[in-house]
Amino acid sequence: MLFLSLKNEVFAQLTSSQPEIAKWQSEQDAKSFWEFKNDGKLYSTYSGRNYIAEYRYQITSAPPICQEGVSLAIEKNVKFLQLTDQEDGSILCFYIYGLNAERLTVMDAQTGHIFPFIKAED
């Protein structure tokens, strides 16, 4: 029940349907970044390491096709983020819980982990 009350509270903050084309910094790890690009790609990077993962992203109102065994609940006014790894084709799915000009919060559909981001300064 805590999950449902958290979800309803955070959805009230959803003020945009798509993350701004920008770089977003993890609030849990200041070295971790997601960067959304105009060409539909998202780059996941980690400062201090030579790590870059490239994904194709899609924002939908309908539940996307995710990893085998992961099913997403259909709920009113919910947006989903689907990431397809450009190297191996694996798919990651997230619920978009909060989104405005300064903050992005997603929940991994498989693990339930919440990932809060803030807009990174250039």
PDB file of N, CA and C in Angstrom:
ATOM      1  N   MET A   1       0.813  -1.191   0.000  1.00  0.00           N
ATOM      2  CA  MET A   1       0.000   0.000   0.000  1.00  0.00           C
ATOM      3  C   MET A   1       0.861   1.260   0.000  1.00  0.00           C
ATOM      4  N   LEU A   2       1.997   1.217   0.644  1.00  0.00           N
ATOM      5  CA  LEU A   2       2.920   2.351   0.621  1.00  0.00           C
ATOM      6  C   LEU A   2       3.325   2.671  -0.813  1.00  0.00           C
ATOM      7  N   PHE A   3       3.565   1.635  -1.620  1.00  0.00           N
ATOM      8  CA  PHE A   3       3.931   1.818  -3.022  1.00  0.00           C
ATOM      9  C   PHE A   3       2.861   2.618  -3.747  1.00  0.00           C
ATOM     10  N   LEU A   4       1.588   2.279  -3.531  1.00  0.00           N
ATOM     11  CA  LEU A   4       0.505   2.977  -4.222  1.00  0.00           C
ATOM     12  C   LEU A   4       0.394   4.430  -3.779  1.00  0.00           C
ATOM     13  N   SER A   5       0.543   4.684  -2.486  1.00  0.00           N
ATOM     14  CA  SER A   5       0.430   6.067  -2.041  1.00  0.00           C
ATOM     15  C   SER A   5       1.618   6.897  -2.545  1.00  0.00           C
ATOM     16  N   LEU A   6       2.801   6.307  -2.560  1.00  0.00           N
ATOM     17  CA  LEU A   6       3.964   7.001  -3.113  1.00  0.00           C
ATOM     18  C   LEU A   6       3.727   7.299  -4.583  1.00  0.00           C
ATOM     19  N   LYS A   7       3.224   6.314  -5.303  1.00  0.00           N
ATOM     20  CA  LYS A   7       3.024   6.477  -6.732  1.00  0.00           C
ATOM     21  C   LYS A   7       2.046   7.619  -7.012  1.00  0.00           C
ATOM     22  N   ASN A   8       0.938   7.669  -6.303  1.00  0.00           N
ATOM     23  CA  ASN A   8      -0.045   8.725  -6.543  1.00  0.00           C
ATOM     24  C   ASN A   8       0.520  10.089  -6.190  1.00  0.00           C
ATOM     25  N   GLU A   9       1.295  10.170  -5.135  1.00  0.00           N
ATOM     26  CA  GLU A   9       1.894  11.432  -4.725  1.00  0.00           C
ATOM     27  C   GLU A   9       2.888  11.933  -5.772  1.00  0.00           C
ATOM     28  N   VAL A  10       3.710  11.055  -6.290  1.00  0.00           N
ATOM     29  CA  VAL A  10       4.728  11.470  -7.244  1.00  0.00           C
ATOM     30  C   VAL A  10       4.118  11.815  -8.595  1.00  0.00           C
ATOM     31  N   PHE A  11       3.080  11.095  -9.010  1.00  0.00           N
ATOM     32  CA  PHE A  11       2.471  11.392 -10.302  1.00  0.00           C
ATOM     33  C   PHE A  11       1.918  12.808 -10.350  1.00  0.00           C
ATOM     34  N   ALA A  12       1.569  13.367  -9.216  1.00  0.00           N
ATOM     35  CA  ALA A  12       1.066  14.735  -9.193  1.00  0.00           C
ATOM     36  C   ALA A  12       2.129  15.724  -9.677  1.00  0.00           C
ATOM     37  N   GLN A  13       3.384  15.318  -9.629  1.00  0.00           N
ATOM     38  CA  GLN A  13       4.472  16.182 -10.051  1.00  0.00           C
ATOM     39  C   GLN A  13       4.772  16.071 -11.549  1.00  0.00           C
ATOM     40  N   LEU A  14       4.080  15.199 -12.254  1.00  0.00           N
ATOM     41  CA  LEU A  14       4.343  14.981 -13.669  1.00  0.00           C
ATOM     42  C   LEU A  14       3.827  16.176 -14.459  1.00  0.00           C
ATOM     43  N   THR A  15       4.722  17.060 -14.881  1.00  0.00           N
ATOM     44  CA  THR A  15       4.304  18.276 -15.571  1.00  0.00           C
ATOM     45  C   THR A  15       4.682  18.292 -17.045  1.00  0.00           C
ATOM     46  N   SER A  16       5.348  17.264 -17.500  1.00  0.00           N
ATOM     47  CA  SER A  16       5.754  17.175 -18.895  1.00  0.00           C
ATOM     48  C   SER A  16       5.635  15.725 -19.325  1.00  0.00           C
ATOM     49  N   SER A  17       5.486  15.496 -20.613  1.00  0.00           N
ATOM     50  CA  SER A  17       5.333  14.117 -21.076  1.00  0.00           C
ATOM     51  C   SER A  17       6.646  13.510 -21.557  1.00  0.00           C
ATOM     52  N   GLN A  18       7.692  14.313 -21.672  1.00  0.00           N
ATOM     53  CA  GLN A  18       8.963  13.801 -22.156  1.00  0.00           C
ATOM     54  C   GLN A  18      10.120  14.531 -21.487  1.00  0.00           C
ATOM     55  N   PRO A  19      11.139  13.788 -21.070  1.00  0.00           N
ATOM     56  CA  PRO A  19      12.294  14.464 -20.456  1.00  0.00           C
ATOM     57  C   PRO A  19      12.915  15.465 -21.426  1.00  0.00           C
ATOM     58  N   GLU A  20      13.360  16.569 -20.872  1.00  0.00           N
ATOM     59  CA  GLU A  20      14.020  17.578 -21.673  1.00  0.00           C
ATOM     60  C   GLU A  20      15.277  16.982 -22.304  1.00  0.00           C
ATOM     61  N   ILE A  21      15.556  17.402 -23.539  1.00  0.00           N
ATOM     62  CA  ILE A  21      16.776  16.972 -24.215  1.00  0.00           C
ATOM     63  C   ILE A  21      17.918  17.645 -23.461  1.00  0.00           C
ATOM     64  N   ALA A  22      18.470  16.909 -22.532  1.00  0.00           N
ATOM     65  CA  ALA A  22      19.473  17.472 -21.625  1.00  0.00           C
ATOM     66  C   ALA A  22      20.199  16.330 -20.938  1.00  0.00           C
ATOM     67  N   LYS A  23      21.150  16.715 -20.103  1.00  0.00           N
ATOM     68  CA  LYS A  23      21.895  15.760 -19.297  1.00  0.00           C
ATOM     69  C   LYS A  23      21.305  15.767 -17.894  1.00  0.00           C
ATOM     70  N   TRP A  24      21.027  14.576 -17.362  1.00  0.00           N
ATOM     71  CA  TRP A  24      20.421  14.406 -16.050  1.00  0.00           C
ATOM     72  C   TRP A  24      21.401  13.676 -15.147  1.00  0.00           C
ATOM     73  N   GLN A  25      21.611  14.196 -13.934  1.00  0.00           N
ATOM     74  CA  GLN A  25      22.554  13.623 -12.980  1.00  0.00           C
ATOM     75  C   GLN A  25      21.786  12.859 -11.900  1.00  0.00           C
ATOM     76  N   SER A  26      22.261  11.660 -11.603  1.00  0.00           N
ATOM     77  CA  SER A  26      21.639  10.851 -10.560  1.00  0.00           C
ATOM     78  C   SER A  26      21.773  11.531  -9.201  1.00  0.00           C
ATOM     79  N   GLU A  27      20.691  11.528  -8.431  1.00  0.00           N
ATOM     80  CA  GLU A  27      20.767  12.049  -7.064  1.00  0.00           C
ATOM     81  C   GLU A  27      21.367  11.008  -6.123  1.00  0.00           C
ATOM     82  N   GLN A  28      21.405   9.756  -6.549  1.00  0.00           N
ATOM     83  CA  GLN A  28      21.953   8.684  -5.721  1.00  0.00           C
ATOM     84  C   GLN A  28      23.460   8.520  -5.914  1.00  0.00           C
ATOM     85  N   ASP A  29      23.961   8.916  -7.078  1.00  0.00           N
ATOM     86  CA  ASP A  29      25.385   8.799  -7.389  1.00  0.00           C
ATOM     87  C   ASP A  29      25.754   9.941  -8.330  1.00  0.00           C
ATOM     88  N   ALA A  30      26.420  10.946  -7.810  1.00  0.00           N
ATOM     89  CA  ALA A  30      26.717  12.169  -8.574  1.00  0.00           C
ATOM     90  C   ALA A  30      27.592  11.929  -9.799  1.00  0.00           C
ATOM     91  N   LYS A  31      28.184  10.751  -9.942  1.00  0.00           N
ATOM     92  CA  LYS A  31      29.021  10.449 -11.105  1.00  0.00           C
ATOM     93  C   LYS A  31      28.230   9.790 -12.238  1.00  0.00           C
ATOM     94  N   SER A  32      26.970   9.465 -11.992  1.00  0.00           N
ATOM     95  CA  SER A  32      26.139   8.772 -12.975  1.00  0.00           C
ATOM     96  C   SER A  32      25.217   9.764 -13.684  1.00  0.00           C
ATOM     97  N   PHE A  33      25.187   9.665 -15.030  1.00  0.00           N
ATOM     98  CA  PHE A  33      24.398  10.593 -15.845  1.00  0.00           C
ATOM     99  C   PHE A  33      23.599   9.851 -16.919  1.00  0.00           C
ATOM    100  N   TRP A  34      22.429  10.385 -17.236  1.00  0.00           N
ATOM    101  CA  TRP A  34      21.662   9.996 -18.426  1.00  0.00           C
ATOM    102  C   TRP A  34      21.563  11.248 -19.279  1.00  0.00           C
ATOM    103  N   GLU A  35      21.859  11.109 -20.569  1.00  0.00           N
ATOM    104  CA  GLU A  35      21.739  12.247 -21.478  1.00  0.00           C
ATOM    105  C   GLU A  35      20.807  11.884 -22.630  1.00  0.00           C
ATOM    106  N   PHE A  36      19.664  12.573 -22.692  1.00  0.00           N
ATOM    107  CA  PHE A  36      18.692  12.387 -23.766  1.00  0.00           C
ATOM    108  C   PHE A  36      19.109  13.268 -24.939  1.00  0.00           C
ATOM    109  N   LYS A  37      19.079  12.716 -26.142  1.00  0.00           N
ATOM    110  CA  LYS A  37      19.462  13.447 -27.356  1.00  0.00           C
ATOM    111  C   LYS A  37      18.259  13.593 -28.288  1.00  0.00           C
ATOM    112  N   ASN A  38      18.341  14.564 -29.189  1.00  0.00           N
ATOM    113  CA  ASN A  38      17.276  14.806 -30.170  1.00  0.00           C
ATOM    114  C   ASN A  38      17.030  13.632 -31.106  1.00  0.00           C
ATOM    115  N   ASP A  39      18.042  12.807 -31.334  1.00  0.00           N
ATOM    116  CA  ASP A  39      17.917  11.702 -32.296  1.00  0.00           C
ATOM    117  C   ASP A  39      17.279  10.449 -31.701  1.00  0.00           C
ATOM    118  N   GLY A  40      16.690  10.559 -30.478  1.00  0.00           N
ATOM    119  CA  GLY A  40      16.036   9.419 -29.855  1.00  0.00           C
ATOM    120  C   GLY A  40      16.981   8.495 -29.109  1.00  0.00           C
ATOM    121  N   LYS A  41      18.200   8.955 -28.859  1.00  0.00           N
ATOM    122  CA  LYS A  41      19.165   8.139 -28.133  1.00  0.00           C
ATOM    123  C   LYS A  41      19.377   8.698 -26.730  1.00  0.00           C
ATOM    124  N   LEU A  42      19.686   7.779 -25.821  1.00  0.00           N
ATOM    125  CA  LEU A  42      20.041   8.128 -24.458  1.00  0.00           C
ATOM    126  C   LEU A  42      21.416   7.537 -24.197  1.00  0.00           C
ATOM    127  N   TYR A  43      22.297   8.358 -23.640  1.00  0.00           N
ATOM    128  CA  TYR A  43      23.638   7.893 -23.288  1.00  0.00           C
ATOM    129  C   TYR A  43      23.744   7.849 -21.770  1.00  0.00           C
ATOM    130  N   SER A  44      24.099   6.695 -21.252  1.00  0.00           N
ATOM    131  CA  SER A  44      24.331   6.518 -19.826  1.00  0.00           C
ATOM    132  C   SER A  44      25.840   6.543 -19.616  1.00  0.00           C
ATOM    133  N   THR A  45      26.309   7.490 -18.807  1.00  0.00           N
ATOM    134  CA  THR A  45      27.752   7.636 -18.594  1.00  0.00           C
ATOM    135  C   THR A  45      28.053   7.647 -17.100  1.00  0.00           C
ATOM    136  N   TYR A  46      29.313   7.370 -16.796  1.00  0.00           N
ATOM    137  CA  TYR A  46      29.779   7.390 -15.412  1.00  0.00           C
ATOM    138  C   TYR A  46      31.112   8.132 -15.379  1.00  0.00           C
ATOM    139  N   SER A  47      31.154   9.281 -14.689  1.00  0.00           N
ATOM    140  CA  SER A  47      32.369  10.098 -14.613  1.00  0.00           C
ATOM    141  C   SER A  47      33.502   9.344 -13.943  1.00  0.00           C
ATOM    142  N   GLY A  48      34.698   9.537 -14.473  1.00  0.00           N
ATOM    143  CA  GLY A  48      35.872   8.905 -13.894  1.00  0.00           C
ATOM    144  C   GLY A  48      36.131   7.511 -14.435  1.00  0.00           C
ATOM    145  N   ARG A  49      35.208   7.001 -15.212  1.00  0.00           N
ATOM    146  CA  ARG A  49      35.391   5.688 -15.849  1.00  0.00           C
ATOM    147  C   ARG A  49      35.093   5.834 -17.329  1.00  0.00           C
ATOM    148  N   ASN A  50      35.695   5.005 -18.094  1.00  0.00           N
ATOM    149  CA  ASN A  50      35.457   5.020 -19.536  1.00  0.00           C
ATOM    150  C   ASN A  50      34.220   4.183 -19.844  1.00  0.00           C
ATOM    151  N   TYR A  51      33.067   4.607 -19.305  1.00  0.00           N
ATOM    152  CA  TYR A  51      31.826   3.848 -19.460  1.00  0.00           C
ATOM    153  C   TYR A  51      30.783   4.691 -20.178  1.00  0.00           C
ATOM    154  N   ILE A  52      30.308   4.179 -21.303  1.00  0.00           N
ATOM    155  CA  ILE A  52      29.200   4.807 -22.016  1.00  0.00           C
ATOM    156  C   ILE A  52      28.311   3.690 -22.555  1.00  0.00           C
ATOM    157  N   ALA A  53      27.041   3.717 -22.185  1.00  0.00           N
ATOM    158  CA  ALA A  53      26.063   2.789 -22.755  1.00  0.00           C
ATOM    159  C   ALA A  53      25.119   3.613 -23.620  1.00  0.00           C
ATOM    160  N   GLU A  54      24.813   3.101 -24.798  1.00  0.00           N
ATOM    161  CA  GLU A  54      23.946   3.815 -25.732  1.00  0.00           C
ATOM    162  C   GLU A  54      22.627   3.057 -25.867  1.00  0.00           C
ATOM    163  N   TYR A  55      21.536   3.789 -25.681  1.00  0.00           N
ATOM    164  CA  TYR A  55      20.195   3.216 -25.784  1.00  0.00           C
ATOM    165  C   TYR A  55      19.357   4.021 -26.759  1.00  0.00           C
ATOM    166  N   ARG A  56      18.398   3.379 -27.368  1.00  0.00           N
ATOM    167  CA  ARG A  56      17.340   4.081 -28.081  1.00  0.00           C
ATOM    168  C   ARG A  56      16.211   4.199 -27.074  1.00  0.00           C
ATOM    169  N   TYR A  57      15.657   5.411 -26.900  1.00  0.00           N
ATOM    170  CA  TYR A  57      14.587   5.570 -25.913  1.00  0.00           C
ATOM    171  C   TYR A  57      13.255   5.865 -26.584  1.00  0.00           C
ATOM    172  N   GLN A  58      12.206   5.479 -25.874  1.00  0.00           N
ATOM    173  CA  GLN A  58      10.845   5.740 -26.330  1.00  0.00           C
ATOM    174  C   GLN A  58       9.987   6.026 -25.107  1.00  0.00           C
ATOM    175  N   ILE A  59       9.194   7.098 -25.176  1.00  0.00           N
ATOM    176  CA  ILE A  59       8.260   7.455 -24.117  1.00  0.00           C
ATOM    177  C   ILE A  59       6.864   7.106 -24.634  1.00  0.00           C
ATOM    178  N   THR A  60       6.110   6.330 -23.848  1.00  0.00           N
ATOM    179  CA  THR A  60       4.781   5.913 -24.294  1.00  0.00           C
ATOM    180  C   THR A  60       3.765   6.036 -23.160  1.00  0.00           C
ATOM    181  N   SER A  61       2.494   6.085 -23.535  1.00  0.00           N
ATOM    182  CA  SER A  61       1.398   6.025 -22.560  1.00  0.00           C
ATOM    183  C   SER A  61       0.943   4.588 -22.377  1.00  0.00           C
ATOM    184  N   ALA A  62       1.225   3.750 -23.367  1.00  0.00           N
ATOM    185  CA  ALA A  62       0.876   2.330 -23.298  1.00  0.00           C
ATOM    186  C   ALA A  62       2.088   1.554 -22.807  1.00  0.00           C
ATOM    187  N   PRO A  63       1.872   0.502 -22.018  1.00  0.00           N
ATOM    188  CA  PRO A  63       3.013  -0.279 -21.532  1.00  0.00           C
ATOM    189  C   PRO A  63       3.844  -0.834 -22.689  1.00  0.00           C
ATOM    190  N   PRO A  64       5.141  -0.611 -22.670  1.00  0.00           N
ATOM    191  CA  PRO A  64       6.006  -1.142 -23.734  1.00  0.00           C
ATOM    192  C   PRO A  64       6.281  -2.626 -23.515  1.00  0.00           C
ATOM    193  N   ILE A  65       6.860  -3.246 -24.518  1.00  0.00           N
ATOM    194  CA  ILE A  65       7.300  -4.633 -24.392  1.00  0.00           C
ATOM    195  C   ILE A  65       8.631  -4.612 -23.658  1.00  0.00           C
ATOM    196  N   CYS A  66       8.701  -5.340 -22.556  1.00  0.00           N
ATOM    197  CA  CYS A  66       9.888  -5.309 -21.704  1.00  0.00           C
ATOM    198  C   CYS A  66      10.587  -6.658 -21.704  1.00  0.00           C
ATOM    199  N   GLN A  67      11.450  -6.838 -20.722  1.00  0.00           N
ATOM    200  CA  GLN A  67      12.154  -8.091 -20.560  1.00  0.00           C
ATOM    201  C   GLN A  67      11.137  -9.213 -20.359  1.00  0.00           C
ATOM    202  N   GLU A  68      11.526 -10.412 -20.707  1.00  0.00           N
ATOM    203  CA  GLU A  68      10.658 -11.566 -20.502  1.00  0.00           C
ATOM    204  C   GLU A  68      10.317 -11.685 -19.022  1.00  0.00           C
ATOM    205  N   GLY A  69       9.050 -11.905 -18.750  1.00  0.00           N
ATOM    206  CA  GLY A  69       8.608 -12.053 -17.376  1.00  0.00           C
ATOM    207  C   GLY A  69       8.264 -10.754 -16.676  1.00  0.00           C
ATOM    208  N   VAL A  70       8.426  -9.611 -17.362  1.00  0.00           N
ATOM    209  CA  VAL A  70       8.090  -8.318 -16.765  1.00  0.00           C
ATOM    210  C   VAL A  70       6.821  -7.804 -17.415  1.00  0.00           C
ATOM    211  N   SER A  71       5.792  -7.638 -16.619  1.00  0.00           N
ATOM    212  CA  SER A  71       4.553  -7.072 -17.148  1.00  0.00           C
ATOM    213  C   SER A  71       4.271  -5.775 -16.412  1.00  0.00           C
ATOM    214  N   LEU A  72       3.805  -4.788 -17.142  1.00  0.00           N
ATOM    215  CA  LEU A  72       3.564  -3.472 -16.571  1.00  0.00           C
ATOM    216  C   LEU A  72       2.067  -3.251 -16.400  1.00  0.00           C
ATOM    217  N   ALA A  73       1.700  -2.697 -15.262  1.00  0.00           N
ATOM    218  CA  ALA A  73       0.300  -2.389 -15.004  1.00  0.00           C
ATOM    219  C   ALA A  73      -0.117  -1.183 -15.839  1.00  0.00           C
ATOM    220  N   ILE A  74      -1.318  -1.243 -16.370  1.00  0.00           N
ATOM    221  CA  ILE A  74      -1.861  -0.119 -17.133  1.00  0.00           C
ATOM    222  C   ILE A  74      -2.606   0.766 -16.142  1.00  0.00           C
ATOM    223  N   GLU A  75      -2.197   2.007 -16.071  1.00  0.00           N
ATOM    224  CA  GLU A  75      -2.832   2.953 -15.162  1.00  0.00           C
ATOM    225  C   GLU A  75      -3.053   4.272 -15.884  1.00  0.00           C
ATOM    226  N   LYS A  76      -4.062   4.987 -15.454  1.00  0.00           N
ATOM    227  CA  LYS A  76      -4.405   6.262 -16.050  1.00  0.00           C
ATOM    228  C   LYS A  76      -3.295   7.286 -15.816  1.00  0.00           C
ATOM    229  N   ASN A  77      -2.988   8.066 -16.823  1.00  0.00           N
ATOM    230  CA  ASN A  77      -2.002   9.152 -16.761  1.00  0.00           C
ATOM    231  C   ASN A  77      -0.586   8.699 -16.447  1.00  0.00           C
ATOM    232  N   VAL A  78      -0.248   7.475 -16.786  1.00  0.00           N
ATOM    233  CA  VAL A  78       1.092   6.951 -16.550  1.00  0.00           C
ATOM    234  C   VAL A  78       1.886   7.014 -17.844  1.00  0.00           C
ATOM    235  N   LYS A  79       3.142   7.427 -17.734  1.00  0.00           N
ATOM    236  CA  LYS A  79       4.064   7.407 -18.867  1.00  0.00           C
ATOM    237  C   LYS A  79       5.133   6.363 -18.590  1.00  0.00           C
ATOM    238  N   PHE A  80       5.599   5.753 -19.647  1.00  0.00           N
ATOM    239  CA  PHE A  80       6.624   4.725 -19.548  1.00  0.00           C
ATOM    240  C   PHE A  80       7.845   5.143 -20.356  1.00  0.00           C
ATOM    241  N   LEU A  81       9.013   4.726 -19.896  1.00  0.00           N
ATOM    242  CA  LEU A  81      10.269   4.934 -20.608  1.00  0.00           C
ATOM    243  C   LEU A  81      10.821   3.557 -20.959  1.00  0.00           C
ATOM    244  N   GLN A  82      11.022   3.318 -22.243  1.00  0.00           N
ATOM    245  CA  GLN A  82      11.614   2.064 -22.712  1.00  0.00           C
ATOM    246  C   GLN A  82      12.988   2.368 -23.282  1.00  0.00           C
ATOM    247  N   LEU A  83      14.004   1.641 -22.803  1.00  0.00           N
ATOM    248  CA  LEU A  83      15.373   1.798 -23.294  1.00  0.00           C
ATOM    249  C   LEU A  83      15.794   0.506 -23.975  1.00  0.00           C
ATOM    250  N   THR A  84      16.239   0.614 -25.220  1.00  0.00           N
ATOM    251  CA  THR A  84      16.744  -0.545 -25.958  1.00  0.00           C
ATOM    252  C   THR A  84      18.241  -0.382 -26.140  1.00  0.00           C
ATOM    253  N   ASP A  85      19.002  -1.309 -25.587  1.00  0.00           N
ATOM    254  CA  ASP A  85      20.465  -1.271 -25.666  1.00  0.00           C
ATOM    255  C   ASP A  85      20.888  -1.424 -27.123  1.00  0.00           C
ATOM    256  N   GLN A  86      21.682  -0.481 -27.612  1.00  0.00           N
ATOM    257  CA  GLN A  86      22.107  -0.494 -29.013  1.00  0.00           C
ATOM    258  C   GLN A  86      23.153  -1.554 -29.301  1.00  0.00           C
ATOM    259  N   GLU A  87      23.777  -2.091 -28.263  1.00  0.00           N
ATOM    260  CA  GLU A  87      24.801  -3.117 -28.458  1.00  0.00           C
ATOM    261  C   GLU A  87      24.219  -4.525 -28.503  1.00  0.00           C
ATOM    262  N   ASP A  88      23.348  -4.851 -27.541  1.00  0.00           N
ATOM    263  CA  ASP A  88      22.852  -6.235 -27.471  1.00  0.00           C
ATOM    264  C   ASP A  88      21.341  -6.374 -27.655  1.00  0.00           C
ATOM    265  N   GLY A  89      20.613  -5.258 -27.803  1.00  0.00           N
ATOM    266  CA  GLY A  89      19.177  -5.310 -28.057  1.00  0.00           C
ATOM    267  C   GLY A  89      18.321  -5.555 -26.823  1.00  0.00           C
ATOM    268  N   SER A  90      18.941  -5.661 -25.649  1.00  0.00           N
ATOM    269  CA  SER A  90      18.148  -5.880 -24.440  1.00  0.00           C
ATOM    270  C   SER A  90      17.293  -4.649 -24.157  1.00  0.00           C
ATOM    271  N   ILE A  91      16.172  -4.873 -23.491  1.00  0.00           N
ATOM    272  CA  ILE A  91      15.209  -3.800 -23.246  1.00  0.00           C
ATOM    273  C   ILE A  91      15.022  -3.599 -21.749  1.00  0.00           C
ATOM    274  N   LEU A  92      15.047  -2.337 -21.336  1.00  0.00           N
ATOM    275  CA  LEU A  92      14.774  -1.942 -19.957  1.00  0.00           C
ATOM    276  C   LEU A  92      13.516  -1.081 -19.965  1.00  0.00           C
ATOM    277  N   CYS A  93      12.660  -1.271 -18.970  1.00  0.00           N
ATOM    278  CA  CYS A  93      11.435  -0.484 -18.893  1.00  0.00           C
ATOM    279  C   CYS A  93      11.321   0.201 -17.541  1.00  0.00           C
ATOM    280  N   PHE A  94      10.818   1.430 -17.586  1.00  0.00           N
ATOM    281  CA  PHE A  94      10.673   2.241 -16.389  1.00  0.00           C
ATOM    282  C   PHE A  94       9.309   2.924 -16.395  1.00  0.00           C
ATOM    283  N   TYR A  95       8.742   3.106 -15.209  1.00  0.00           N
ATOM    284  CA  TYR A  95       7.611   4.004 -15.025  1.00  0.00           C
ATOM    285  C   TYR A  95       8.218   5.394 -14.829  1.00  0.00           C
ATOM    286  N   ILE A  96       7.644   6.411 -15.456  1.00  0.00           N
ATOM    287  CA  ILE A  96       8.069   7.783 -15.194  1.00  0.00           C
ATOM    288  C   ILE A  96       7.198   8.294 -14.061  1.00  0.00           C
ATOM    289  N   TYR A  97       7.802   8.507 -12.898  1.00  0.00           N
ATOM    290  CA  TYR A  97       7.059   8.906 -11.704  1.00  0.00           C
ATOM    291  C   TYR A  97       7.000  10.399 -11.496  1.00  0.00           C
ATOM    292  N   GLY A  98       7.998  11.101 -11.897  1.00  0.00           N
ATOM    293  CA  GLY A  98       8.009  12.547 -11.740  1.00  0.00           C
ATOM    294  C   GLY A  98       8.843  13.166 -12.834  1.00  0.00           C
ATOM    295  N   LEU A  99       8.355  14.266 -13.374  1.00  0.00           N
ATOM    296  CA  LEU A  99       9.090  14.925 -14.446  1.00  0.00           C
ATOM    297  C   LEU A  99       8.684  16.385 -14.503  1.00  0.00           C
ATOM    298  N   ASN A 100       9.673  17.244 -14.372  1.00  0.00           N
ATOM    299  CA  ASN A 100       9.476  18.666 -14.612  1.00  0.00           C
ATOM    300  C   ASN A 100      10.788  19.205 -15.172  1.00  0.00           C
ATOM    301  N   ALA A 101      10.939  20.503 -15.257  1.00  0.00           N
ATOM    302  CA  ALA A 101      12.128  21.085 -15.895  1.00  0.00           C
ATOM    303  C   ALA A 101      13.422  20.785 -15.144  1.00  0.00           C
ATOM    304  N   GLU A 102      13.338  20.483 -13.857  1.00  0.00           N
ATOM    305  CA  GLU A 102      14.539  20.284 -13.051  1.00  0.00           C
ATOM    306  C   GLU A 102      14.733  18.868 -12.515  1.00  0.00           C
ATOM    307  N   ARG A 103      13.677  18.033 -12.517  1.00  0.00           N
ATOM    308  CA  ARG A 103      13.756  16.706 -11.917  1.00  0.00           C
ATOM    309  C   ARG A 103      13.114  15.644 -12.800  1.00  0.00           C
ATOM    310  N   LEU A 104      13.725  14.465 -12.757  1.00  0.00           N
ATOM    311  CA  LEU A 104      13.210  13.279 -13.450  1.00  0.00           C
ATOM    312  C   LEU A 104      13.312  12.118 -12.464  1.00  0.00           C
ATOM    313  N   THR A 105      12.201  11.427 -12.235  1.00  0.00           N
ATOM    314  CA  THR A 105      12.200  10.268 -11.347  1.00  0.00           C
ATOM    315  C   THR A 105      11.567   9.094 -12.077  1.00  0.00           C
ATOM    316  N   VAL A 106      12.303   7.987 -12.154  1.00  0.00           N
ATOM    317  CA  VAL A 106      11.802   6.782 -12.819  1.00  0.00           C
ATOM    318  C   VAL A 106      11.908   5.601 -11.860  1.00  0.00           C
ATOM    319  N   MET A 107      11.060   4.580 -12.121  1.00  0.00           N
ATOM    320  CA  MET A 107      11.134   3.348 -11.353  1.00  0.00           C
ATOM    321  C   MET A 107      11.359   2.193 -12.311  1.00  0.00           C
ATOM    322  N   ASP A 108      12.371   1.380 -12.048  1.00  0.00           N
ATOM    323  CA  ASP A 108      12.662   0.198 -12.856  1.00  0.00           C
ATOM    324  C   ASP A 108      11.498  -0.776 -12.713  1.00  0.00           C
ATOM    325  N   ALA A 109      10.883  -1.145 -13.833  1.00  0.00           N
ATOM    326  CA  ALA A 109       9.705  -2.021 -13.814  1.00  0.00           C
ATOM    327  C   ALA A 109      10.030  -3.428 -13.329  1.00  0.00           C
ATOM    328  N   GLN A 110      11.261  -3.859 -13.486  1.00  0.00           N
ATOM    329  CA  GLN A 110      11.641  -5.208 -13.085  1.00  0.00           C
ATOM    330  C   GLN A 110      12.010  -5.285 -11.608  1.00  0.00           C
ATOM    331  N   THR A 111      12.774  -4.313 -11.123  1.00  0.00           N
ATOM    332  CA  THR A 111      13.291  -4.393  -9.758  1.00  0.00           C
ATOM    333  C   THR A 111      12.518  -3.544  -8.754  1.00  0.00           C
ATOM    334  N   GLY A 112      11.803  -2.530  -9.247  1.00  0.00           N
ATOM    335  CA  GLY A 112      11.098  -1.620  -8.360  1.00  0.00           C
ATOM    336  C   GLY A 112      11.977  -0.525  -7.790  1.00  0.00           C
ATOM    337  N   HIS A 113      13.254  -0.494  -8.181  1.00  0.00           N
ATOM    338  CA  HIS A 113      14.157   0.549  -7.685  1.00  0.00           C
ATOM    339  C   HIS A 113      13.772   1.902  -8.281  1.00  0.00           C
ATOM    340  N   ILE A 114      13.821   2.924  -7.426  1.00  0.00           N
ATOM    341  CA  ILE A 114      13.516   4.302  -7.840  1.00  0.00           C
ATOM    342  C   ILE A 114      14.835   5.006  -8.151  1.00  0.00           C
ATOM    343  N   PHE A 115      14.868   5.723  -9.289  1.00  0.00           N
ATOM    344  CA  PHE A 115      16.060   6.452  -9.707  1.00  0.00           C
ATOM    345  C   PHE A 115      15.701   7.926  -9.894  1.00  0.00           C
ATOM    346  N   PRO A 116      16.079   8.777  -8.933  1.00  0.00           N
ATOM    347  CA  PRO A 116      15.827  10.208  -9.075  1.00  0.00           C
ATOM    348  C   PRO A 116      17.005  10.912  -9.745  1.00  0.00           C
ATOM    349  N   PHE A 117      16.697  11.824 -10.650  1.00  0.00           N
ATOM    350  CA  PHE A 117      17.718  12.602 -11.357  1.00  0.00           C
ATOM    351  C   PHE A 117      17.384  14.084 -11.229  1.00  0.00           C
ATOM    352  N   ILE A 118      18.431  14.901 -11.289  1.00  0.00           N
ATOM    353  CA  ILE A 118      18.259  16.341 -11.394  1.00  0.00           C
ATOM    354  C   ILE A 118      18.925  16.788 -12.695  1.00  0.00           C
ATOM    355  N   LYS A 119      18.440  17.873 -13.252  1.00  0.00           N
ATOM    356  CA  LYS A 119      19.034  18.374 -14.485  1.00  0.00           C
ATOM    357  C   LYS A 119      20.447  18.828 -14.196  1.00  0.00           C
ATOM    358  N   ALA A 120      21.392  18.310 -14.974  1.00  0.00           N
ATOM    359  CA  ALA A 120      22.813  18.631 -14.775  1.00  0.00           C
ATOM    360  C   ALA A 120      23.116  20.002 -15.368  1.00  0.00           C
ATOM    361  N   GLU A 121      24.023  20.693 -14.722  1.00  0.00           N
ATOM    362  CA  GLU A 121      24.469  21.974 -15.253  1.00  0.00           C
ATOM    363  C   GLU A 121      25.510  21.708 -16.333  1.00  0.00           C
ATOM    364  N   ASP A 122      25.484  22.540 -17.359  1.00  0.00           N
ATOM    365  CA  ASP A 122      26.428  22.349 -18.481  1.00  0.00           C
ATOM    366  C   ASP A 122      27.834  22.670 -18.117  1.00  0.00           C
TER     367      ASP A 122
END
